[in-house]
Amino acid sequence: MSQPKIKAVLFDKDGTLFDFNATWAAWCKNVISLLAPDDLPRQIRLGKSCGFDVETMAFETGSIIVNGTAEETVAAWLGADDALTFEMIEQIGRVEFEKLLAVPVKELVQTLQGLKSSGYALGVATNDLEENAIKQLRDAGIFEIFDFVAGCNSGFGGKPDPGMIFGFAEAVGIPANAIAMVGDSTHDLHAGDAAGCYRVGVLTGPAVRDEIEHAADIVLNDISELPAHLAI
């Protein structure tokens, strides 16, 4: 399809602004190890329930942690192990999150500043919790660049539903068909499709090109290629 005139860009967070594996593999391994200490079979079961191989520290295609919401990950762990409670998962997950260092993708700050200075409205739509997103964006020194930040608990629903996209469109006063939805997973791109956005896939998450290109209008290696693609 021909590229529409884009006036705003809405980014997924993990795997798009931050390198997914470098950021989340250690967190997932540590949380699962603490939920099932010294019990490899339980750890393997918990990993399988969310699409994570605890032995190789690799995320599987279709992993809930990659595609789903934070609530869906918790539900998967609760369903896989009767000994766990919501409070236990929340406490351990929060403690480990506070130790987490989000690893930015190539030329993150330069790319975002370039887009902003060129007049694009910018937002973040993540299936992580809103408060987690805000913390990581602040830690990376990029929170103030964005006009809109929404998580799965912000009241818009989670991807692949398009609620966060419509929320961004309303917040910045730009119609969805003038927004580029940028993400590393089919959930991101399907949300963009449902909203009528221009869909940009990136390869900085666990998915490979063949897994997302059918759902995208264009697939880029990373967001550093976006300004040139938008002909800035």
Protein backbone atom coordinates (compact mmCIF):
# COMPACT_ATOMS: atom_id res chain seq x y z
CA MET A 1 0.00 0.00 0.00
CA SER A 2 1.13 3.59 -0.52
CA GLN A 3 2.41 5.35 2.58
CA PRO A 4 -0.10 7.78 4.09
CA LYS A 5 0.95 11.18 5.37
CA ILE A 6 2.09 10.42 8.89
CA LYS A 7 1.74 13.07 11.59
CA ALA A 8 2.27 10.98 14.72
CA VAL A 9 4.17 7.88 15.80
CA LEU A 10 3.03 5.48 18.51
CA PHE A 11 5.70 3.08 19.77
CA ASP A 12 5.49 -0.20 21.57
CA LYS A 13 8.00 -0.24 24.45
CA ASP A 14 9.73 -3.58 24.89
CA GLY A 15 11.40 -4.87 21.74
CA THR A 16 10.89 -1.49 20.08
CA LEU A 17 12.39 1.23 22.28
CA PHE A 18 14.29 -1.25 24.44
CA ASP A 19 16.02 -4.45 23.37
CA PHE A 20 13.63 -7.16 24.54
CA ASN A 21 15.97 -10.06 25.26
CA ALA A 22 18.69 -7.91 26.81
CA THR A 23 16.13 -6.27 29.09
CA TRP A 24 13.69 -9.01 30.07
CA ALA A 25 15.38 -12.44 29.84
CA ALA A 26 17.27 -12.04 33.12
CA TRP A 27 14.18 -10.62 34.86
CA CYS A 28 12.07 -13.57 33.75
CA LYS A 29 14.72 -16.10 34.77
CA ASN A 30 15.18 -14.49 38.20
CA VAL A 31 11.46 -14.20 38.94
CA ILE A 32 10.77 -17.81 37.99
CA SER A 33 13.75 -19.00 40.06
CA LEU A 34 12.41 -17.12 43.09
CA LEU A 35 8.86 -18.40 42.57
CA ALA A 36 10.12 -22.00 42.46
CA PRO A 37 13.47 -22.03 44.29
CA ASP A 38 15.69 -25.08 43.78
CA ASP A 39 12.97 -26.83 41.76
CA LEU A 40 13.92 -27.02 38.08
CA PRO A 41 10.83 -29.01 36.98
CA ARG A 42 8.55 -26.30 38.45
CA GLN A 43 10.69 -23.60 36.90
CA ILE A 44 10.46 -25.28 33.50
CA ARG A 45 6.68 -25.57 33.88
CA LEU A 46 6.35 -21.91 34.79
CA GLY A 47 8.56 -20.95 31.87
CA LYS A 48 6.54 -23.00 29.41
CA SER A 49 3.32 -21.41 30.65
CA CYS A 50 4.54 -17.97 29.55
CA GLY A 51 6.65 -18.97 26.55
CA PHE A 52 10.11 -18.76 28.12
CA ASP A 53 12.82 -21.44 28.14
CA VAL A 54 14.45 -21.15 31.55
CA GLU A 55 17.45 -23.23 30.49
CA THR A 56 18.36 -21.29 27.33
CA MET A 57 16.83 -17.99 28.54
CA ALA A 58 15.07 -17.63 25.20
CA PHE A 59 11.53 -16.43 24.51
CA GLU A 60 9.41 -18.69 22.33
CA THR A 61 7.38 -17.56 19.34
CA GLY A 62 4.03 -16.34 20.64
CA SER A 63 5.30 -15.91 24.21
CA ILE A 64 2.80 -14.24 26.52
CA ILE A 65 5.60 -12.13 27.96
CA VAL A 66 6.44 -10.87 24.48
CA ASN A 67 2.91 -10.35 23.20
CA GLY A 68 0.54 -10.32 26.15
CA THR A 69 -0.24 -8.04 29.05
CA ALA A 70 1.32 -8.14 32.50
CA GLU A 71 -1.96 -9.52 33.83
CA GLU A 72 -1.87 -12.37 31.31
CA THR A 73 1.61 -13.36 32.45
CA VAL A 74 0.49 -13.46 36.08
CA ALA A 75 -2.57 -15.51 35.11
CA ALA A 76 -0.38 -17.98 33.21
CA TRP A 77 1.85 -18.52 36.23
CA LEU A 78 -1.10 -18.89 38.59
CA GLY A 79 -2.62 -21.45 36.23
CA ALA A 80 0.61 -23.42 36.03
CA ASP A 81 1.34 -23.68 39.75
CA ASP A 82 -1.27 -23.97 42.50
CA ALA A 83 1.30 -23.08 45.16
CA LEU A 84 1.59 -19.52 43.87
CA THR A 85 -0.54 -16.54 44.82
CA PHE A 86 -1.12 -13.23 43.08
CA GLU A 87 0.52 -11.39 45.99
CA MET A 88 3.62 -13.59 45.81
CA ILE A 89 4.06 -13.00 42.08
CA GLU A 90 3.40 -9.29 42.40
CA GLN A 91 5.91 -8.84 45.23
CA ILE A 92 8.72 -10.82 43.61
CA GLY A 93 8.06 -9.31 40.20
CA ARG A 94 8.14 -5.79 41.63
CA VAL A 95 11.38 -6.32 43.55
CA GLU A 96 13.09 -7.75 40.48
CA PHE A 97 11.69 -4.99 38.28
CA GLU A 98 13.29 -2.36 40.50
CA LYS A 99 16.66 -3.97 39.71
CA LEU A 100 15.95 -4.06 35.97
CA LEU A 101 18.03 -1.99 33.58
CA ALA A 102 16.22 -1.36 30.30
CA VAL A 103 18.68 -1.63 27.41
CA PRO A 104 17.92 0.98 24.72
CA VAL A 105 17.91 0.11 21.04
CA LYS A 106 20.33 1.69 18.60
CA GLU A 107 20.25 5.51 18.48
CA LEU A 108 17.14 5.67 20.67
CA VAL A 109 17.48 9.21 21.98
CA GLN A 110 18.69 10.67 18.68
CA THR A 111 15.85 9.06 16.76
CA LEU A 112 13.15 10.27 19.13
CA GLN A 113 14.56 13.78 19.33
CA GLY A 114 14.76 13.93 15.55
CA LEU A 115 11.14 12.89 15.14
CA LYS A 116 10.00 15.33 17.80
CA SER A 117 11.90 18.26 16.31
CA SER A 118 10.36 17.44 12.93
CA GLY A 119 6.88 17.96 14.35
CA TYR A 120 5.66 14.43 14.97
CA ALA A 121 3.50 13.73 18.01
CA LEU A 122 4.99 10.76 19.86
CA GLY A 123 3.47 8.19 22.18
CA VAL A 124 4.05 4.83 23.85
CA ALA A 125 1.51 2.01 23.99
CA THR A 126 2.69 -1.01 25.96
CA ASN A 127 1.13 -4.16 27.35
CA ASP A 128 3.29 -3.61 30.43
CA LEU A 129 1.89 -1.65 33.36
CA GLU A 130 1.77 2.13 32.88
CA GLU A 131 3.84 2.78 36.00
CA ASN A 132 6.55 0.40 34.77
CA ALA A 133 6.64 2.16 31.42
CA ILE A 134 6.94 5.59 32.99
CA LYS A 135 9.80 4.43 35.23
CA GLN A 136 11.75 2.93 32.35
CA LEU A 137 11.20 5.93 30.11
CA ARG A 138 12.35 8.27 32.90
CA ASP A 139 15.39 6.09 33.62
CA ALA A 140 16.31 6.27 29.93
CA GLY A 141 15.90 10.06 29.91
CA ILE A 142 13.19 10.03 27.25
CA PHE A 143 9.91 10.37 29.16
CA GLU A 144 9.54 14.09 28.44
CA ILE A 145 9.79 13.48 24.69
CA PHE A 146 6.43 11.70 24.63
CA ASP A 147 3.00 13.29 24.44
CA PHE A 148 1.22 10.12 25.61
CA VAL A 149 2.10 6.98 27.57
CA ALA A 150 -0.36 4.14 28.14
CA GLY A 151 -0.07 0.67 29.61
CA CYS A 152 -2.41 -2.27 29.91
CA ASN A 153 -3.88 -0.77 33.11
CA SER A 154 -4.44 2.76 31.75
CA GLY A 155 -8.08 2.17 30.86
CA PHE A 156 -7.70 1.58 27.12
CA GLY A 157 -7.32 -2.20 27.19
CA GLY A 158 -4.34 -4.14 25.88
CA LYS A 159 -3.06 -4.89 22.40
CA PRO A 160 -4.06 -6.36 19.95
CA ASP A 161 -7.20 -4.35 20.73
CA PRO A 162 -6.82 -0.80 19.35
CA GLY A 163 -7.96 1.13 22.43
CA MET A 164 -4.56 2.63 23.25
CA ILE A 165 -4.18 3.83 19.67
CA PHE A 166 -7.54 5.57 19.75
CA GLY A 167 -6.61 7.06 23.13
CA PHE A 168 -3.40 8.45 21.62
CA ALA A 169 -5.26 9.77 18.58
CA GLU A 170 -7.69 11.63 20.81
CA ALA A 171 -4.96 12.95 23.09
CA VAL A 172 -2.92 14.48 20.26
CA GLY A 173 -5.82 15.38 17.98
CA ILE A 174 -4.60 13.32 15.04
CA PRO A 175 -6.71 10.66 13.28
CA ALA A 176 -5.57 7.05 13.48
CA ASN A 177 -4.93 6.83 9.74
CA ALA A 178 -2.25 9.51 10.14
CA ILE A 179 -0.48 7.54 12.89
CA ALA A 180 2.35 5.05 12.43
CA MET A 181 2.12 2.16 14.90
CA VAL A 182 5.64 0.83 15.48
CA GLY A 183 6.23 -2.50 17.18
CA ASP A 184 8.08 -5.78 17.22
CA SER A 185 5.15 -8.18 17.62
CA THR A 186 2.00 -9.18 15.78
CA HIS A 187 -0.02 -7.82 18.72
CA ASP A 188 1.36 -4.35 17.98
CA LEU A 189 0.73 -4.63 14.27
CA HIS A 190 -2.72 -6.16 14.60
CA ALA A 191 -3.68 -3.31 16.92
CA GLY A 192 -2.47 -0.90 14.27
CA ASP A 193 -4.47 -2.69 11.62
CA ALA A 194 -7.63 -2.60 13.74
CA ALA A 195 -7.22 1.16 14.19
CA GLY A 196 -6.39 1.86 10.55
CA CYS A 197 -2.79 2.93 11.22
CA TYR A 198 0.31 2.64 9.08
CA ARG A 199 2.06 -0.41 10.54
CA VAL A 200 5.83 -0.50 11.01
CA GLY A 201 7.47 -3.69 12.24
CA VAL A 202 10.93 -3.69 13.82
CA LEU A 203 13.34 -6.55 14.43
CA THR A 204 14.62 -5.61 17.90
CA GLY A 205 12.34 -8.09 19.67
CA PRO A 206 12.27 -11.89 19.70
CA ALA A 207 10.30 -12.16 16.43
CA VAL A 208 12.06 -12.64 13.10
CA ARG A 209 10.99 -10.98 9.86
CA ASP A 210 8.92 -13.94 8.62
CA GLU A 211 6.82 -13.84 11.78
CA ILE A 212 5.71 -10.22 11.47
CA GLU A 213 6.05 -9.02 7.88
CA HIS A 214 2.61 -10.35 6.88
CA ALA A 215 1.05 -7.98 9.45
CA ALA A 216 3.16 -4.90 8.60
CA ASP A 217 3.22 -2.32 5.85
CA ILE A 218 7.00 -2.16 6.23
CA VAL A 219 9.57 -3.97 8.39
CA LEU A 220 12.68 -2.07 9.51
CA ASN A 221 15.71 -3.37 11.35
CA ASP A 222 15.17 -0.89 14.19
CA ILE A 223 13.65 2.51 14.86
CA SER A 224 16.81 4.33 13.78
CA GLU A 225 15.66 3.65 10.20
CA LEU A 226 12.26 5.27 10.79
CA PRO A 227 13.14 8.94 10.14
CA ALA A 228 14.56 8.12 6.71
CA HIS A 229 11.54 5.97 5.93
CA LEU A 230 9.22 8.82 6.84
CA ALA A 231 11.35 11.03 4.56
CA ILE A 232 12.43 13.53 7.20
